[in-house]
Amino acid sequence: MDTIEQENMQFLGFLGIYKESYKLIFSWRKIFTQITFTLILPLSFIFLIHIQVSDLLFGKITHDAKDLTETLPGTPQHQKLLDTFSSDWATFFLFKLLYFISLLIFSLLSTSAIVYTVASFYTGKEVTFKKVLSVVPKVWKRLMVTFLCTVVAFFVYNVMAVLVLGIWALTIGVRNGGGAILSVLAILYLVGSVYLTVVWLLASVVTVLEDSYGYEAMMKSKELIKGKMGLSVMIVLKLNFLFFLTQFLFSMVVVNGWKVFGLGSVDRTVFGIVCFLLLSHLFLLMLVIQTVMYFVCKSYHREIVDKSALSYHLEVYECYEPLKAKDVQLDYHV
């Protein structure tokens, strides 16, 4: 495959990373198509069907709540509506739990498959879909630990944000320039959220390809993105914008029935299919890009992964021997 040598990957910019990612996808379209049909399409379906079902369930909760307020308390009808209302909420939370578990499982499996596949391509060795499926279950547990550490980091970050907001409300408020200060705080909060997202995405790749996971993988990711922070943020913001735009359009047009360019009820189904395919494409592209970014950051820091060592570890992945620090060259000659 005609891919860029790792030594030169540090020079890839915004468009270069997209070009390299699409080159990988189209050069090995067969295996990426297999991964997409097996893991990414179900992931996209779960995500979109969650929006539709959540709207239906919450609509029923709202309707029953209205009937409950209009019924005389203490009557059999009121008690029946109260039981129905409680059942509605139980169903809603159970569905949310099943959705979260399913989304998490397919997200981790997809990440494992794509990262392993892209890394295999960069070693120049053949990789089969069967081999990918045999490796994926052995990697997702490590990814789960990294994900949980990220959840903890986001939780702590949001708790601190709430505390800062509380201090602002108690000491300054909206008077005496308080609104401007709140705007600055909001911008800083968004910047921090994007930063944590970038660290998490790269930490997922580190977890698959190196001997670190969890908090240690996040720390390695934090060091790797130094010098490539602006580029990483631009890519994450662009992909997330397209991701949320697709989600918004699906919710407004397909779920709520907005009329866009005269779309009728039949066309809403077609629009939903378009959103489904676009979301699947975004999931695939995002996972490939974050793996390419890993090699870009490695190249920038002159930590060029030894291809033969990486290839060996990928071949014996059934026993899971992750890449050690000694398999990374700390310097190279241009």
C-alpha atoms as a PDB file:
ATOM      1  CA  MET A   1       0.000   0.000   0.000  1.00  0.00           C
ATOM      2  CA  ASP A   2       1.251   3.460  -0.887  1.00  0.00           C
ATOM      3  CA  THR A   3       1.084   5.066   2.547  1.00  0.00           C
ATOM      4  CA  ILE A   4       3.216   7.867   3.909  1.00  0.00           C
ATOM      5  CA  GLU A   5       6.331   6.796   5.792  1.00  0.00           C
ATOM      6  CA  GLN A   6       6.025   7.348   9.526  1.00  0.00           C
ATOM      7  CA  GLU A   7       9.008   9.684   9.571  1.00  0.00           C
ATOM      8  CA  ASN A   8       7.117  12.064   7.271  1.00  0.00           C
ATOM      9  CA  MET A   9       3.708  11.812   8.919  1.00  0.00           C
ATOM     10  CA  GLN A  10       4.533  14.677  11.257  1.00  0.00           C
ATOM     11  CA  PHE A  11       4.175  17.023   8.281  1.00  0.00           C
ATOM     12  CA  LEU A  12       0.573  16.051   7.584  1.00  0.00           C
ATOM     13  CA  GLY A  13      -1.861  18.911   8.085  1.00  0.00           C
ATOM     14  CA  PHE A  14      -5.643  19.031   8.324  1.00  0.00           C
ATOM     15  CA  LEU A  15      -6.283  18.033   4.699  1.00  0.00           C
ATOM     16  CA  GLY A  16      -3.332  15.644   4.660  1.00  0.00           C
ATOM     17  CA  ILE A  17      -4.745  13.582   7.516  1.00  0.00           C
ATOM     18  CA  TYR A  18      -8.119  13.350   5.781  1.00  0.00           C
ATOM     19  CA  LYS A  19      -6.412  12.336   2.531  1.00  0.00           C
ATOM     20  CA  GLU A  20      -4.347   9.660   4.284  1.00  0.00           C
ATOM     21  CA  SER A  21      -7.432   8.335   6.100  1.00  0.00           C
ATOM     22  CA  TYR A  22      -9.496   8.081   2.921  1.00  0.00           C
ATOM     23  CA  LYS A  23      -6.542   6.476   1.153  1.00  0.00           C
ATOM     24  CA  LEU A  24      -6.531   3.760   3.814  1.00  0.00           C
ATOM     25  CA  ILE A  25     -10.282   3.250   3.604  1.00  0.00           C
ATOM     26  CA  PHE A  26     -10.430   3.006  -0.203  1.00  0.00           C
ATOM     27  CA  SER A  27      -7.234   0.967  -0.557  1.00  0.00           C
ATOM     28  CA  TRP A  28      -8.594  -1.661   1.822  1.00  0.00           C
ATOM     29  CA  ARG A  29     -12.281  -1.154   1.173  1.00  0.00           C
ATOM     30  CA  LYS A  30     -13.132  -4.852   1.484  1.00  0.00           C
ATOM     31  CA  ILE A  31     -12.138  -5.292   5.117  1.00  0.00           C
ATOM     32  CA  PHE A  32     -13.406  -1.847   6.095  1.00  0.00           C
ATOM     33  CA  THR A  33     -16.738  -2.713   4.464  1.00  0.00           C
ATOM     34  CA  GLN A  34     -16.860  -5.938   6.478  1.00  0.00           C
ATOM     35  CA  ILE A  35     -16.114  -4.083   9.699  1.00  0.00           C
ATOM     36  CA  THR A  36     -18.713  -1.451   8.824  1.00  0.00           C
ATOM     37  CA  PHE A  37     -21.468  -3.995   8.188  1.00  0.00           C
ATOM     38  CA  THR A  38     -20.593  -6.017  11.307  1.00  0.00           C
ATOM     39  CA  LEU A  39     -19.928  -3.296  13.882  1.00  0.00           C
ATOM     40  CA  ILE A  40     -20.396   0.272  12.657  1.00  0.00           C
ATOM     41  CA  LEU A  41     -23.821  -0.069  11.007  1.00  0.00           C
ATOM     42  CA  PRO A  42     -25.288  -1.622  14.188  1.00  0.00           C
ATOM     43  CA  LEU A  43     -23.637   1.167  16.193  1.00  0.00           C
ATOM     44  CA  SER A  44     -25.255   3.830  13.995  1.00  0.00           C
ATOM     45  CA  PHE A  45     -28.622   2.054  14.080  1.00  0.00           C
ATOM     46  CA  ILE A  46     -28.545   1.847  17.885  1.00  0.00           C
ATOM     47  CA  PHE A  47     -27.729   5.536  18.111  1.00  0.00           C
ATOM     48  CA  LEU A  48     -30.507   6.700  15.785  1.00  0.00           C
ATOM     49  CA  ILE A  49     -33.208   4.288  16.963  1.00  0.00           C
ATOM     50  CA  HIS A  50     -32.496   5.528  20.483  1.00  0.00           C
ATOM     51  CA  ILE A  51     -33.563   9.035  19.419  1.00  0.00           C
ATOM     52  CA  GLN A  52     -36.812   7.742  17.905  1.00  0.00           C
ATOM     53  CA  VAL A  53     -37.770   5.419  20.782  1.00  0.00           C
ATOM     54  CA  SER A  54     -36.804   7.965  23.463  1.00  0.00           C
ATOM     55  CA  ASP A  55     -39.121  10.500  21.819  1.00  0.00           C
ATOM     56  CA  LEU A  56     -42.003   8.001  21.806  1.00  0.00           C
ATOM     57  CA  LEU A  57     -41.449   6.934  25.417  1.00  0.00           C
ATOM     58  CA  PHE A  58     -41.084  10.489  26.693  1.00  0.00           C
ATOM     59  CA  GLY A  59     -44.161  11.525  24.736  1.00  0.00           C
ATOM     60  CA  LYS A  60     -46.149   8.804  26.513  1.00  0.00           C
ATOM     61  CA  ILE A  61     -44.766   9.929  29.878  1.00  0.00           C
ATOM     62  CA  THR A  62     -45.841  13.518  29.150  1.00  0.00           C
ATOM     63  CA  HIS A  63     -49.322  12.415  28.075  1.00  0.00           C
ATOM     64  CA  ASP A  64     -49.829  10.229  31.170  1.00  0.00           C
ATOM     65  CA  ALA A  65     -48.518  13.015  33.429  1.00  0.00           C
ATOM     66  CA  LYS A  66     -51.116  15.375  31.983  1.00  0.00           C
ATOM     67  CA  ASP A  67     -53.919  12.836  32.531  1.00  0.00           C
ATOM     68  CA  LEU A  68     -52.681  12.264  36.078  1.00  0.00           C
ATOM     69  CA  THR A  69     -52.898  15.953  36.963  1.00  0.00           C
ATOM     70  CA  GLU A  70     -56.446  16.119  35.588  1.00  0.00           C
ATOM     71  CA  THR A  71     -57.679  13.108  37.599  1.00  0.00           C
ATOM     72  CA  LEU A  72     -59.080  13.382  41.122  1.00  0.00           C
ATOM     73  CA  PRO A  73     -56.583  11.960  43.671  1.00  0.00           C
ATOM     74  CA  GLY A  74     -57.703   8.920  45.668  1.00  0.00           C
ATOM     75  CA  THR A  75     -59.906   7.490  42.917  1.00  0.00           C
ATOM     76  CA  PRO A  76     -59.252   4.082  41.291  1.00  0.00           C
ATOM     77  CA  GLN A  77     -58.607   5.817  37.985  1.00  0.00           C
ATOM     78  CA  HIS A  78     -55.976   8.043  39.608  1.00  0.00           C
ATOM     79  CA  GLN A  79     -54.237   5.021  41.146  1.00  0.00           C
ATOM     80  CA  LYS A  80     -54.285   3.209  37.816  1.00  0.00           C
ATOM     81  CA  LEU A  81     -52.768   6.231  36.066  1.00  0.00           C
ATOM     82  CA  LEU A  82     -50.170   6.533  38.817  1.00  0.00           C
ATOM     83  CA  ASP A  83     -49.133   2.890  38.299  1.00  0.00           C
ATOM     84  CA  THR A  84     -48.968   3.465  34.554  1.00  0.00           C
ATOM     85  CA  PHE A  85     -46.904   6.606  35.056  1.00  0.00           C
ATOM     86  CA  SER A  86     -44.427   4.722  37.273  1.00  0.00           C
ATOM     87  CA  SER A  87     -44.254   1.922  34.715  1.00  0.00           C
ATOM     88  CA  ASP A  88     -43.553   4.464  31.979  1.00  0.00           C
ATOM     89  CA  TRP A  89     -40.557   5.846  33.843  1.00  0.00           C
ATOM     90  CA  ALA A  90     -39.265   2.343  34.644  1.00  0.00           C
ATOM     91  CA  THR A  91     -39.474   1.419  30.955  1.00  0.00           C
ATOM     92  CA  PHE A  92     -37.756   4.664  29.981  1.00  0.00           C
ATOM     93  CA  PHE A  93     -34.799   4.141  32.331  1.00  0.00           C
ATOM     94  CA  LEU A  94     -34.488   0.454  31.396  1.00  0.00           C
ATOM     95  CA  PHE A  95     -34.372   1.399  27.731  1.00  0.00           C
ATOM     96  CA  LYS A  96     -31.715   4.055  28.457  1.00  0.00           C
ATOM     97  CA  LEU A  97     -29.623   1.458  30.319  1.00  0.00           C
ATOM     98  CA  LEU A  98     -29.869  -1.079  27.497  1.00  0.00           C
ATOM     99  CA  TYR A  99     -29.032   1.650  24.987  1.00  0.00           C
ATOM    100  CA  PHE A 100     -25.956   2.781  26.907  1.00  0.00           C
ATOM    101  CA  ILE A 101     -24.655  -0.783  27.303  1.00  0.00           C
ATOM    102  CA  SER A 102     -25.221  -1.619  23.628  1.00  0.00           C
ATOM    103  CA  LEU A 103     -23.675   1.647  22.438  1.00  0.00           C
ATOM    104  CA  LEU A 104     -20.644   1.164  24.680  1.00  0.00           C
ATOM    105  CA  ILE A 105     -20.059  -2.415  23.555  1.00  0.00           C
ATOM    106  CA  PHE A 106     -20.252  -1.638  19.830  1.00  0.00           C
ATOM    107  CA  SER A 107     -18.178   1.539  20.276  1.00  0.00           C
ATOM    108  CA  LEU A 108     -15.359  -0.334  22.006  1.00  0.00           C
ATOM    109  CA  LEU A 109     -15.484  -3.235  19.533  1.00  0.00           C
ATOM    110  CA  SER A 110     -15.440  -0.840  16.574  1.00  0.00           C
ATOM    111  CA  THR A 111     -12.506   1.083  18.036  1.00  0.00           C
ATOM    112  CA  SER A 112     -10.569  -2.132  18.633  1.00  0.00           C
ATOM    113  CA  ALA A 113     -11.215  -3.381  15.094  1.00  0.00           C
ATOM    114  CA  ILE A 114     -10.333  -0.150  13.281  1.00  0.00           C
ATOM    115  CA  VAL A 115      -7.209   0.654  15.315  1.00  0.00           C
ATOM    116  CA  TYR A 116      -5.895  -2.901  14.951  1.00  0.00           C
ATOM    117  CA  THR A 117      -6.635  -2.906  11.210  1.00  0.00           C
ATOM    118  CA  VAL A 118      -4.995   0.471  10.472  1.00  0.00           C
ATOM    119  CA  ALA A 119      -1.934  -0.477  12.533  1.00  0.00           C
ATOM    120  CA  SER A 120      -1.682  -3.736  10.599  1.00  0.00           C
ATOM    121  CA  PHE A 121      -1.736  -1.820   7.332  1.00  0.00           C
ATOM    122  CA  TYR A 122       1.119   0.411   8.474  1.00  0.00           C
ATOM    123  CA  THR A 123       3.227  -2.667   9.193  1.00  0.00           C
ATOM    124  CA  GLY A 124       2.692  -3.825   5.614  1.00  0.00           C
ATOM    125  CA  LYS A 125       1.295  -7.207   6.623  1.00  0.00           C
ATOM    126  CA  GLU A 126      -1.913  -8.798   5.448  1.00  0.00           C
ATOM    127  CA  VAL A 127      -4.882  -8.721   7.769  1.00  0.00           C
ATOM    128  CA  THR A 128      -8.101 -10.670   7.408  1.00  0.00           C
ATOM    129  CA  PHE A 129     -11.546  -9.969   8.780  1.00  0.00           C
ATOM    130  CA  LYS A 130     -11.447 -13.284  10.653  1.00  0.00           C
ATOM    131  CA  LYS A 131      -8.221 -12.267  12.373  1.00  0.00           C
ATOM    132  CA  VAL A 132      -9.717  -8.890  13.303  1.00  0.00           C
ATOM    133  CA  LEU A 133     -12.729 -10.563  14.900  1.00  0.00           C
ATOM    134  CA  SER A 134     -10.468 -12.905  16.876  1.00  0.00           C
ATOM    135  CA  VAL A 135      -8.439  -9.993  18.264  1.00  0.00           C
ATOM    136  CA  VAL A 136     -11.231  -7.539  19.062  1.00  0.00           C
ATOM    137  CA  PRO A 137     -12.726  -9.348  22.104  1.00  0.00           C
ATOM    138  CA  LYS A 138      -9.287  -9.424  23.754  1.00  0.00           C
ATOM    139  CA  VAL A 139      -8.760  -5.676  23.429  1.00  0.00           C
ATOM    140  CA  TRP A 140     -12.098  -4.160  24.424  1.00  0.00           C
ATOM    141  CA  LYS A 141     -11.603  -4.894  28.149  1.00  0.00           C
ATOM    142  CA  ARG A 142      -8.548  -2.632  28.205  1.00  0.00           C
ATOM    143  CA  LEU A 143     -10.509  -0.017  26.299  1.00  0.00           C
ATOM    144  CA  MET A 144     -13.255  -0.284  28.899  1.00  0.00           C
ATOM    145  CA  VAL A 145     -10.780   0.630  31.641  1.00  0.00           C
ATOM    146  CA  THR A 146      -9.583   3.632  29.643  1.00  0.00           C
ATOM    147  CA  PHE A 147     -13.178   4.666  28.989  1.00  0.00           C
ATOM    148  CA  LEU A 148     -14.071   4.440  32.694  1.00  0.00           C
ATOM    149  CA  CYS A 149     -11.041   6.570  33.585  1.00  0.00           C
ATOM    150  CA  THR A 150     -12.242   9.106  31.031  1.00  0.00           C
ATOM    151  CA  VAL A 151     -15.719   9.084  32.573  1.00  0.00           C
ATOM    152  CA  VAL A 152     -14.174   9.783  35.965  1.00  0.00           C
ATOM    153  CA  ALA A 153     -12.112  12.629  34.475  1.00  0.00           C
ATOM    154  CA  PHE A 154     -15.200  14.181  32.860  1.00  0.00           C
ATOM    155  CA  PHE A 155     -17.158  13.752  36.109  1.00  0.00           C
ATOM    156  CA  VAL A 156     -14.486  15.521  38.168  1.00  0.00           C
ATOM    157  CA  TYR A 157     -14.215  18.218  35.518  1.00  0.00           C
ATOM    158  CA  ASN A 158     -17.964  18.859  35.539  1.00  0.00           C
ATOM    159  CA  VAL A 159     -18.109  18.897  39.347  1.00  0.00           C
ATOM    160  CA  MET A 160     -15.393  21.556  39.343  1.00  0.00           C
ATOM    161  CA  ALA A 161     -17.320  23.488  36.678  1.00  0.00           C
ATOM    162  CA  VAL A 162     -20.473  23.418  38.820  1.00  0.00           C
ATOM    163  CA  LEU A 163     -18.493  24.643  41.822  1.00  0.00           C
ATOM    164  CA  VAL A 164     -17.026  27.519  39.788  1.00  0.00           C
ATOM    165  CA  LEU A 165     -20.508  28.379  38.507  1.00  0.00           C
ATOM    166  CA  GLY A 166     -21.832  28.348  42.066  1.00  0.00           C
ATOM    167  CA  ILE A 167     -19.059  30.653  43.246  1.00  0.00           C
ATOM    168  CA  TRP A 168     -19.820  32.989  40.327  1.00  0.00           C
ATOM    169  CA  ALA A 169     -23.544  33.037  41.180  1.00  0.00           C
ATOM    170  CA  LEU A 170     -22.933  33.715  44.885  1.00  0.00           C
ATOM    171  CA  THR A 171     -20.210  36.343  44.513  1.00  0.00           C
ATOM    172  CA  ILE A 172     -20.705  38.139  41.198  1.00  0.00           C
ATOM    173  CA  GLY A 173     -23.944  37.184  39.475  1.00  0.00           C
ATOM    174  CA  VAL A 174     -25.127  38.943  36.349  1.00  0.00           C
ATOM    175  CA  ARG A 175     -24.361  42.418  37.715  1.00  0.00           C
ATOM    176  CA  ASN A 176     -21.163  44.447  37.341  1.00  0.00           C
ATOM    177  CA  GLY A 177     -19.912  42.621  34.268  1.00  0.00           C
ATOM    178  CA  GLY A 178     -20.911  39.217  35.593  1.00  0.00           C
ATOM    179  CA  GLY A 179     -22.454  38.277  32.262  1.00  0.00           C
ATOM    180  CA  ALA A 180     -19.147  38.791  30.460  1.00  0.00           C
ATOM    181  CA  ILE A 181     -17.339  36.710  33.077  1.00  0.00           C
ATOM    182  CA  LEU A 182     -19.924  33.940  32.630  1.00  0.00           C
ATOM    183  CA  SER A 183     -19.295  33.990  28.870  1.00  0.00           C
ATOM    184  CA  VAL A 184     -15.562  33.617  29.451  1.00  0.00           C
ATOM    185  CA  LEU A 185     -16.191  30.744  31.860  1.00  0.00           C
ATOM    186  CA  ALA A 186     -18.457  29.055  29.316  1.00  0.00           C
ATOM    187  CA  ILE A 187     -15.758  29.318  26.621  1.00  0.00           C
ATOM    188  CA  LEU A 188     -13.127  27.921  28.986  1.00  0.00           C
ATOM    189  CA  TYR A 189     -15.475  25.058  29.874  1.00  0.00           C
ATOM    190  CA  LEU A 190     -15.960  24.182  26.197  1.00  0.00           C
ATOM    191  CA  VAL A 191     -12.208  24.348  25.569  1.00  0.00           C
ATOM    192  CA  GLY A 192     -11.600  21.975  28.477  1.00  0.00           C
ATOM    193  CA  SER A 193     -14.283  19.578  27.232  1.00  0.00           C
ATOM    194  CA  VAL A 194     -12.755  19.460  23.754  1.00  0.00           C
ATOM    195  CA  TYR A 195      -9.304  18.907  25.258  1.00  0.00           C
ATOM    196  CA  LEU A 196     -10.526  15.950  27.328  1.00  0.00           C
ATOM    197  CA  THR A 197     -12.222  14.522  24.254  1.00  0.00           C
ATOM    198  CA  VAL A 198      -8.993  14.716  22.242  1.00  0.00           C
ATOM    199  CA  VAL A 199      -7.054  13.045  25.069  1.00  0.00           C
ATOM    200  CA  TRP A 200      -9.650  10.273  25.292  1.00  0.00           C
ATOM    201  CA  LEU A 201      -9.670   9.534  21.549  1.00  0.00           C
ATOM    202  CA  LEU A 202      -5.895   9.262  21.339  1.00  0.00           C
ATOM    203  CA  ALA A 203      -5.759   7.310  24.610  1.00  0.00           C
ATOM    204  CA  SER A 204      -8.017   4.698  22.998  1.00  0.00           C
ATOM    205  CA  VAL A 205      -5.400   4.141  20.277  1.00  0.00           C
ATOM    206  CA  VAL A 206      -2.610   4.025  22.859  1.00  0.00           C
ATOM    207  CA  THR A 207      -4.582   1.388  24.763  1.00  0.00           C
ATOM    208  CA  VAL A 208      -4.769  -0.892  21.717  1.00  0.00           C
ATOM    209  CA  LEU A 209      -1.208  -0.471  20.429  1.00  0.00           C
ATOM    210  CA  GLU A 210       0.871  -0.010  23.575  1.00  0.00           C
ATOM    211  CA  ASP A 211       1.248  -1.563  26.990  1.00  0.00           C
ATOM    212  CA  SER A 212      -0.641   1.261  28.705  1.00  0.00           C
ATOM    213  CA  TYR A 213      -4.318   1.617  29.470  1.00  0.00           C
ATOM    214  CA  GLY A 214      -6.555   3.540  31.790  1.00  0.00           C
ATOM    215  CA  TYR A 215      -5.038   6.572  33.491  1.00  0.00           C
ATOM    216  CA  GLU A 216      -1.546   5.793  32.154  1.00  0.00           C
ATOM    217  CA  ALA A 217      -2.841   5.761  28.561  1.00  0.00           C
ATOM    218  CA  MET A 218      -4.479   9.148  29.146  1.00  0.00           C
ATOM    219  CA  MET A 219      -1.193  10.572  30.411  1.00  0.00           C
ATOM    220  CA  LYS A 220       0.646   9.234  27.359  1.00  0.00           C
ATOM    221  CA  SER A 221      -2.049  10.688  25.131  1.00  0.00           C
ATOM    222  CA  LYS A 222      -1.672  14.039  26.890  1.00  0.00           C
ATOM    223  CA  GLU A 223       2.044  14.055  26.088  1.00  0.00           C
ATOM    224  CA  LEU A 224       1.549  12.903  22.500  1.00  0.00           C
ATOM    225  CA  ILE A 225      -0.817  15.703  21.504  1.00  0.00           C
ATOM    226  CA  LYS A 226       1.637  18.383  22.604  1.00  0.00           C
ATOM    227  CA  GLY A 227       2.651  20.283  19.487  1.00  0.00           C
ATOM    228  CA  LYS A 228      -0.347  18.919  17.576  1.00  0.00           C
ATOM    229  CA  MET A 229      -3.046  20.296  19.868  1.00  0.00           C
ATOM    230  CA  GLY A 230      -4.413  22.830  17.385  1.00  0.00           C
ATOM    231  CA  LEU A 231      -4.613  20.261  14.601  1.00  0.00           C
ATOM    232  CA  SER A 232      -6.259  17.695  16.880  1.00  0.00           C
ATOM    233  CA  VAL A 233      -8.828  20.194  18.138  1.00  0.00           C
ATOM    234  CA  MET A 234      -9.705  21.311  14.604  1.00  0.00           C
ATOM    235  CA  ILE A 235     -10.327  17.737  13.505  1.00  0.00           C
ATOM    236  CA  VAL A 236     -12.382  16.840  16.587  1.00  0.00           C
ATOM    237  CA  LEU A 237     -14.488  20.005  16.321  1.00  0.00           C
ATOM    238  CA  LYS A 238     -15.172  19.415  12.629  1.00  0.00           C
ATOM    239  CA  LEU A 239     -16.157  15.765  13.088  1.00  0.00           C
ATOM    240  CA  ASN A 240     -18.283  16.509  16.139  1.00  0.00           C
ATOM    241  CA  PHE A 241     -20.036  19.335  14.299  1.00  0.00           C
ATOM    242  CA  LEU A 242     -20.974  16.940  11.474  1.00  0.00           C
ATOM    243  CA  PHE A 243     -21.948  14.305  14.013  1.00  0.00           C
ATOM    244  CA  PHE A 244     -24.298  16.591  15.945  1.00  0.00           C
ATOM    245  CA  LEU A 245     -25.643  18.135  12.739  1.00  0.00           C
ATOM    246  CA  THR A 246     -26.637  14.672  11.518  1.00  0.00           C
ATOM    247  CA  GLN A 247     -28.220  13.900  14.880  1.00  0.00           C
ATOM    248  CA  PHE A 248     -30.093  17.219  14.878  1.00  0.00           C
ATOM    249  CA  LEU A 249     -31.440  16.794  11.347  1.00  0.00           C
ATOM    250  CA  PHE A 250     -32.574  13.233  12.076  1.00  0.00           C
ATOM    251  CA  SER A 251     -34.316  14.354  15.247  1.00  0.00           C
ATOM    252  CA  MET A 252     -36.022  17.346  13.651  1.00  0.00           C
ATOM    253  CA  VAL A 253     -36.961  15.888  10.255  1.00  0.00           C
ATOM    254  CA  VAL A 254     -37.496  12.170  10.908  1.00  0.00           C
ATOM    255  CA  VAL A 255     -38.660  12.204  14.535  1.00  0.00           C
ATOM    256  CA  ASN A 256     -40.471  15.559  14.789  1.00  0.00           C
ATOM    257  CA  GLY A 257     -41.583  15.843  11.170  1.00  0.00           C
ATOM    258  CA  TRP A 258     -40.022  19.137  10.176  1.00  0.00           C
ATOM    259  CA  LYS A 259     -40.599  20.026   6.543  1.00  0.00           C
ATOM    260  CA  VAL A 260     -37.277  20.530   4.799  1.00  0.00           C
ATOM    261  CA  PHE A 261     -37.413  21.448   1.124  1.00  0.00           C
ATOM    262  CA  GLY A 262     -40.974  20.165   0.997  1.00  0.00           C
ATOM    263  CA  LEU A 263     -40.183  16.679   2.309  1.00  0.00           C
ATOM    264  CA  GLY A 264     -43.291  14.578   2.826  1.00  0.00           C
ATOM    265  CA  SER A 265     -43.948  11.592   5.057  1.00  0.00           C
ATOM    266  CA  VAL A 266     -42.519   9.119   2.534  1.00  0.00           C
ATOM    267  CA  ASP A 267     -39.371  11.184   2.058  1.00  0.00           C
ATOM    268  CA  ARG A 268     -38.764  11.206   5.812  1.00  0.00           C
ATOM    269  CA  THR A 269     -37.899   7.518   5.559  1.00  0.00           C
ATOM    270  CA  VAL A 270     -35.409   8.240   2.794  1.00  0.00           C
ATOM    271  CA  PHE A 271     -33.983  11.117   4.834  1.00  0.00           C
ATOM    272  CA  GLY A 272     -33.599   8.757   7.811  1.00  0.00           C
ATOM    273  CA  ILE A 273     -31.662   6.284   5.658  1.00  0.00           C
ATOM    274  CA  VAL A 274     -29.407   9.094   4.437  1.00  0.00           C
ATOM    275  CA  CYS A 275     -28.710  10.156   8.051  1.00  0.00           C
ATOM    276  CA  PHE A 276     -28.016   6.516   8.953  1.00  0.00           C
ATOM    277  CA  LEU A 277     -25.470   6.099   6.141  1.00  0.00           C
ATOM    278  CA  LEU A 278     -23.860   9.486   6.849  1.00  0.00           C
ATOM    279  CA  LEU A 279     -23.521   8.683  10.540  1.00  0.00           C
ATOM    280  CA  SER A 280     -21.950   5.301   9.723  1.00  0.00           C
ATOM    281  CA  HIS A 281     -19.456   7.047   7.458  1.00  0.00           C
ATOM    282  CA  LEU A 282     -18.602   9.550  10.199  1.00  0.00           C
ATOM    283  CA  PHE A 283     -18.052   6.796  12.770  1.00  0.00           C
ATOM    284  CA  LEU A 284     -15.694   4.946  10.412  1.00  0.00           C
ATOM    285  CA  LEU A 285     -13.824   8.096   9.392  1.00  0.00           C
ATOM    286  CA  MET A 286     -13.443   9.272  12.983  1.00  0.00           C
ATOM    287  CA  LEU A 287     -11.913   5.962  14.103  1.00  0.00           C
ATOM    288  CA  VAL A 288      -9.498   5.847  11.163  1.00  0.00           C
ATOM    289  CA  ILE A 289      -8.482   9.483  11.662  1.00  0.00           C
ATOM    290  CA  GLN A 290      -7.780   9.083  15.372  1.00  0.00           C
ATOM    291  CA  THR A 291      -5.474   6.157  14.551  1.00  0.00           C
ATOM    292  CA  VAL A 292      -3.691   8.165  11.860  1.00  0.00           C
ATOM    293  CA  MET A 293      -3.351  11.025  14.366  1.00  0.00           C
ATOM    294  CA  TYR A 294      -1.596   8.630  16.741  1.00  0.00           C
ATOM    295  CA  PHE A 295       1.121   7.964  14.145  1.00  0.00           C
ATOM    296  CA  VAL A 296       1.287  11.668  13.276  1.00  0.00           C
ATOM    297  CA  CYS A 297       1.910  12.565  16.922  1.00  0.00           C
ATOM    298  CA  LYS A 298       4.444   9.749  17.292  1.00  0.00           C
ATOM    299  CA  SER A 299       6.295  11.042  14.248  1.00  0.00           C
ATOM    300  CA  TYR A 300       6.218  14.625  15.561  1.00  0.00           C
ATOM    301  CA  HIS A 301       7.853  13.533  18.824  1.00  0.00           C
ATOM    302  CA  ARG A 302      10.350  11.357  16.912  1.00  0.00           C
ATOM    303  CA  GLU A 303       8.948   8.222  18.521  1.00  0.00           C
ATOM    304  CA  ILE A 304       8.741   6.166  15.354  1.00  0.00           C
ATOM    305  CA  VAL A 305       7.128   2.809  16.015  1.00  0.00           C
ATOM    306  CA  ASP A 306       9.321  -0.036  14.805  1.00  0.00           C
ATOM    307  CA  LYS A 307       7.286  -1.716  12.055  1.00  0.00           C
ATOM    308  CA  SER A 308       8.770  -5.170  12.542  1.00  0.00           C
ATOM    309  CA  ALA A 309       8.144  -5.046  16.295  1.00  0.00           C
ATOM    310  CA  LEU A 310       4.605  -3.785  15.836  1.00  0.00           C
ATOM    311  CA  SER A 311       3.958  -6.414  13.170  1.00  0.00           C
ATOM    312  CA  TYR A 312       5.184  -9.152  15.493  1.00  0.00           C
ATOM    313  CA  HIS A 313       2.944  -7.991  18.321  1.00  0.00           C
ATOM    314  CA  LEU A 314      -0.053  -7.764  16.016  1.00  0.00           C
ATOM    315  CA  GLU A 315       0.570 -11.287  14.733  1.00  0.00           C
ATOM    316  CA  VAL A 316       0.670 -12.754  18.229  1.00  0.00           C
ATOM    317  CA  TYR A 317      -2.233 -10.618  19.439  1.00  0.00           C
ATOM    318  CA  GLU A 318      -4.158 -13.745  20.342  1.00  0.00           C
ATOM    319  CA  CYS A 319      -1.857 -13.945  23.371  1.00  0.00           C
ATOM    320  CA  TYR A 320      -1.988 -10.136  23.621  1.00  0.00           C
ATOM    321  CA  GLU A 321       1.541  -8.810  23.807  1.00  0.00           C
ATOM    322  CA  PRO A 322       1.100  -5.044  23.530  1.00  0.00           C
ATOM    323  CA  LEU A 323       3.807  -2.771  22.205  1.00  0.00           C
ATOM    324  CA  LYS A 324       6.513  -2.054  24.753  1.00  0.00           C
ATOM    325  CA  ALA A 325       8.383   1.196  25.189  1.00  0.00           C
ATOM    326  CA  LYS A 326      11.552  -0.469  23.840  1.00  0.00           C
ATOM    327  CA  ASP A 327       9.789  -0.994  20.494  1.00  0.00           C
ATOM    328  CA  VAL A 328       9.700   2.750  19.929  1.00  0.00           C
ATOM    329  CA  GLN A 329      12.709   4.503  18.478  1.00  0.00           C
ATOM    330  CA  LEU A 330      13.320   7.711  20.337  1.00  0.00           C
ATOM    331  CA  ASP A 331      15.076   9.367  17.425  1.00  0.00           C
ATOM    332  CA  TYR A 332      15.731   9.021  13.721  1.00  0.00           C
ATOM    333  CA  HIS A 333      17.822  10.650  11.083  1.00  0.00           C
ATOM    334  CA  VAL A 334      16.123  12.655   8.338  1.00  0.00           C
END
